[in-house]
C-alpha atoms as a PDB file:
ATOM      1  CA  UNK A   1     200.092 127.855 -34.224  1.00  0.00           C
ATOM      2  CA  UNK A   2     198.150 124.781 -35.315  1.00  0.00           C
ATOM      3  CA  UNK A   3     194.889 123.885 -33.599  1.00  0.00           C
ATOM      4  CA  UNK A   4     196.577 120.628 -32.631  1.00  0.00           C
ATOM      5  CA  UNK A   5     199.085 122.563 -30.513  1.00  0.00           C
ATOM      6  CA  UNK A   6     196.363 123.212 -27.936  1.00  0.00           C
ATOM      7  CA  UNK A   7     197.419 120.399 -25.545  1.00  0.00           C
ATOM      8  CA  UNK A   8     200.946 121.813 -25.428  1.00  0.00           C
ATOM      9  CA  UNK A   9     199.678 125.347 -24.833  1.00  0.00           C
ATOM     10  CA  UNK A  10     197.321 124.220 -22.048  1.00  0.00           C
ATOM     11  CA  UNK A  11     200.020 122.264 -20.206  1.00  0.00           C
ATOM     12  CA  UNK A  12     202.620 125.027 -20.560  1.00  0.00           C
ATOM     13  CA  UNK A  13     200.186 127.725 -19.438  1.00  0.00           C
ATOM     14  CA  UNK A  14     199.252 125.676 -16.384  1.00  0.00           C
ATOM     15  CA  UNK A  15     202.919 125.151 -15.518  1.00  0.00           C
ATOM     16  CA  UNK A  16     203.658 128.870 -15.953  1.00  0.00           C
ATOM     17  CA  UNK A  17     200.752 129.877 -13.709  1.00  0.00           C
ATOM     18  CA  UNK A  18     201.854 127.436 -11.005  1.00  0.00           C
ATOM     19  CA  UNK A  19     205.475 128.609 -11.274  1.00  0.00           C
ATOM     20  CA  UNK A  20     204.279 132.205 -10.859  1.00  0.00           C
ATOM     21  CA  UNK A  21     202.522 131.238  -7.612  1.00  0.00           C
ATOM     22  CA  UNK A  22     198.968 131.669  -8.937  1.00  0.00           C
ATOM     23  CA  UNK A  23     196.549 129.649  -6.806  1.00  0.00           C
ATOM     24  CA  UNK A  24     194.755 126.941  -8.782  1.00  0.00           C
ATOM     25  CA  UNK A  25     192.674 123.884  -7.936  1.00  0.00           C
ATOM     26  CA  UNK A  26     195.278 121.707  -9.673  1.00  0.00           C
ATOM     27  CA  UNK A  27     197.695 121.666 -12.554  1.00  0.00           C
ATOM     28  CA  UNK A  28     195.973 121.105 -15.899  1.00  0.00           C
ATOM     29  CA  UNK A  29     197.587 118.630 -18.250  1.00  0.00           C
ATOM     30  CA  UNK A  30     196.536 117.914 -21.811  1.00  0.00           C
ATOM     31  CA  UNK A  31     197.261 115.373 -24.518  1.00  0.00           C
ATOM     32  CA  UNK A  32     195.931 114.591 -27.956  1.00  0.00           C
ATOM     33  CA  UNK A  33     195.453 111.252 -29.633  1.00  0.00           C
ATOM     34  CA  UNK A  34     194.966 110.243 -33.272  1.00  0.00           C
ATOM     35  CA  UNK A  35     193.196 107.160 -34.524  1.00  0.00           C
ATOM     36  CA  UNK A  36     194.726 105.474 -37.580  1.00  0.00           C
ATOM     37  CA  UNK A  37     192.701 102.366 -38.295  1.00  0.00           C
ATOM     38  CA  UNK A  38     193.442 100.004 -35.397  1.00  0.00           C
ATOM     39  CA  UNK A  39     196.240 102.205 -34.017  1.00  0.00           C
ATOM     40  CA  UNK A  40     195.932 104.921 -31.367  1.00  0.00           C
ATOM     41  CA  UNK A  41     198.810 107.422 -31.371  1.00  0.00           C
ATOM     42  CA  UNK A  42     199.409 109.758 -28.417  1.00  0.00           C
ATOM     43  CA  UNK A  43     200.622 113.279 -29.268  1.00  0.00           C
ATOM     44  CA  UNK A  44     200.804 112.601 -32.998  1.00  0.00           C
ATOM     45  CA  UNK A  45     203.074 114.411 -35.422  1.00  0.00           C
ATOM     46  CA  UNK A  46     201.540 116.823 -37.949  1.00  0.00           C
ATOM     47  CA  UNK A  47     202.020 114.222 -40.704  1.00  0.00           C
ATOM     48  CA  UNK A  48     200.136 111.638 -38.640  1.00  0.00           C
ATOM     49  CA  UNK A  49     197.315 114.071 -37.910  1.00  0.00           C
ATOM     50  CA  UNK A  50     196.821 114.810 -41.600  1.00  0.00           C
ATOM     51  CA  UNK A  51     195.904 111.146 -42.261  1.00  0.00           C
ATOM     52  CA  UNK A  52     193.943 110.334 -39.107  1.00  0.00           C
ATOM     53  CA  UNK A  53     190.523 108.718 -39.004  1.00  0.00           C
ATOM     54  CA  UNK A  54     189.648 110.640 -35.853  1.00  0.00           C
ATOM     55  CA  UNK A  55     191.152 112.586 -32.990  1.00  0.00           C
ATOM     56  CA  UNK A  56     190.607 113.049 -29.305  1.00  0.00           C
ATOM     57  CA  UNK A  57     191.975 115.710 -26.961  1.00  0.00           C
ATOM     58  CA  UNK A  58     191.727 115.567 -23.168  1.00  0.00           C
ATOM     59  CA  UNK A  59     192.548 118.207 -20.581  1.00  0.00           C
ATOM     60  CA  UNK A  60     192.785 116.800 -17.077  1.00  0.00           C
ATOM     61  CA  UNK A  61     193.468 117.755 -13.466  1.00  0.00           C
ATOM     62  CA  UNK A  62     195.471 114.793 -12.120  1.00  0.00           C
ATOM     63  CA  UNK A  63     195.139 115.447  -8.367  1.00  0.00           C
ATOM     64  CA  UNK A  64     191.395 115.921  -8.682  1.00  0.00           C
ATOM     65  CA  UNK A  65     191.046 113.008 -11.152  1.00  0.00           C
ATOM     66  CA  UNK A  66     188.873 115.266 -13.277  1.00  0.00           C
ATOM     67  CA  UNK A  67     188.559 115.660 -17.041  1.00  0.00           C
ATOM     68  CA  UNK A  68     188.117 119.376 -17.729  1.00  0.00           C
ATOM     69  CA  UNK A  69     187.704 119.188 -21.507  1.00  0.00           C
ATOM     70  CA  UNK A  70     187.125 116.476 -24.070  1.00  0.00           C
ATOM     71  CA  UNK A  71     187.128 117.093 -27.809  1.00  0.00           C
ATOM     72  CA  UNK A  72     186.420 114.272 -30.244  1.00  0.00           C
ATOM     73  CA  UNK A  73     186.410 114.357 -34.046  1.00  0.00           C
ATOM     74  CA  UNK A  74     185.627 111.522 -36.423  1.00  0.00           C
ATOM     75  CA  UNK A  75     183.568 108.399 -35.899  1.00  0.00           C
ATOM     76  CA  UNK A  76     184.330 106.367 -32.763  1.00  0.00           C
ATOM     77  CA  UNK A  77     182.758 103.326 -31.183  1.00  0.00           C
ATOM     78  CA  UNK A  78     181.997 103.525 -27.471  1.00  0.00           C
ATOM     79  CA  UNK A  79     184.643 100.902 -26.675  1.00  0.00           C
ATOM     80  CA  UNK A  80     187.246 102.757 -28.761  1.00  0.00           C
ATOM     81  CA  UNK A  81     186.480 106.047 -26.970  1.00  0.00           C
ATOM     82  CA  UNK A  82     186.863 104.238 -23.649  1.00  0.00           C
ATOM     83  CA  UNK A  83     190.259 102.831 -24.709  1.00  0.00           C
ATOM     84  CA  UNK A  84     191.436 106.228 -26.013  1.00  0.00           C
ATOM     85  CA  UNK A  85     190.255 108.039 -22.860  1.00  0.00           C
ATOM     86  CA  UNK A  86     192.146 105.594 -20.642  1.00  0.00           C
ATOM     87  CA  UNK A  87     195.337 106.153 -22.663  1.00  0.00           C
ATOM     88  CA  UNK A  88     194.923 109.937 -22.499  1.00  0.00           C
ATOM     89  CA  UNK A  89     194.152 110.019 -18.778  1.00  0.00           C
ATOM     90  CA  UNK A  90     197.153 107.817 -18.048  1.00  0.00           C
ATOM     91  CA  UNK A  91     199.391 110.088 -20.150  1.00  0.00           C
ATOM     92  CA  UNK A  92     197.968 113.206 -18.466  1.00  0.00           C
ATOM     93  CA  UNK A  93     198.649 111.698 -15.033  1.00  0.00           C
ATOM     94  CA  UNK A  94     202.264 110.934 -15.962  1.00  0.00           C
ATOM     95  CA  UNK A  95     202.644 114.440 -17.427  1.00  0.00           C
ATOM     96  CA  UNK A  96     201.297 115.878 -14.172  1.00  0.00           C
ATOM     97  CA  UNK A  97     203.996 113.987 -12.242  1.00  0.00           C
ATOM     98  CA  UNK A  98     206.686 115.430 -14.531  1.00  0.00           C
ATOM     99  CA  UNK A  99     205.265 118.944 -14.206  1.00  0.00           C
ATOM    100  CA  UNK A 100     205.181 118.696 -10.392  1.00  0.00           C
ATOM    101  CA  UNK A 101     208.755 117.456 -10.378  1.00  0.00           C
ATOM    102  CA  UNK A 102     209.838 120.436 -12.509  1.00  0.00           C
ATOM    103  CA  UNK A 103     208.088 122.840 -10.142  1.00  0.00           C
ATOM    104  CA  UNK A 104     209.771 121.248  -7.113  1.00  0.00           C
ATOM    105  CA  UNK A 105     213.190 121.446  -8.769  1.00  0.00           C
ATOM    106  CA  UNK A 106     212.620 125.103  -9.695  1.00  0.00           C
ATOM    107  CA  UNK A 107     211.515 125.929  -6.143  1.00  0.00           C
ATOM    108  CA  UNK A 108     214.558 124.158  -4.667  1.00  0.00           C
ATOM    109  CA  UNK A 109     216.891 126.009  -7.045  1.00  0.00           C
ATOM    110  CA  UNK A 110     215.285 129.331  -6.169  1.00  0.00           C
ATOM    111  CA  UNK A 111     215.642 128.570  -2.445  1.00  0.00           C
ATOM    112  CA  UNK A 112     219.314 127.699  -2.943  1.00  0.00           C
ATOM    113  CA  UNK A 113     219.872 130.992  -4.798  1.00  0.00           C
ATOM    114  CA  UNK A 114     218.350 133.027  -1.967  1.00  0.00           C
ATOM    115  CA  UNK A 115     220.433 131.191   0.655  1.00  0.00           C
ATOM    116  CA  UNK A 116     223.700 132.046  -1.061  1.00  0.00           C
END
């Protein structure tokens, strides 16, 4: 596992805990972002990460609108961090919607199986 796999591991672990019925404050979503000169790349490929100027990782609880972890490497201006954080939070919110939809579909399928 690469250190840059952490956002995937966090999101999958949160989804697994919720699917198992473990009580949590909220789902936890996570994304990473690489800075390449003027470009910000969400969930970069390994090749993109190897040539980045900086990186940022956010873990987030969408329903609580709460950042639970922020990791930044490289040199960033305040305005660039603000732009990157907004991109990451937006992506985490969308990922949270997808995760909730998957949980609802799994619950509906399980209910259908028990009714048969």
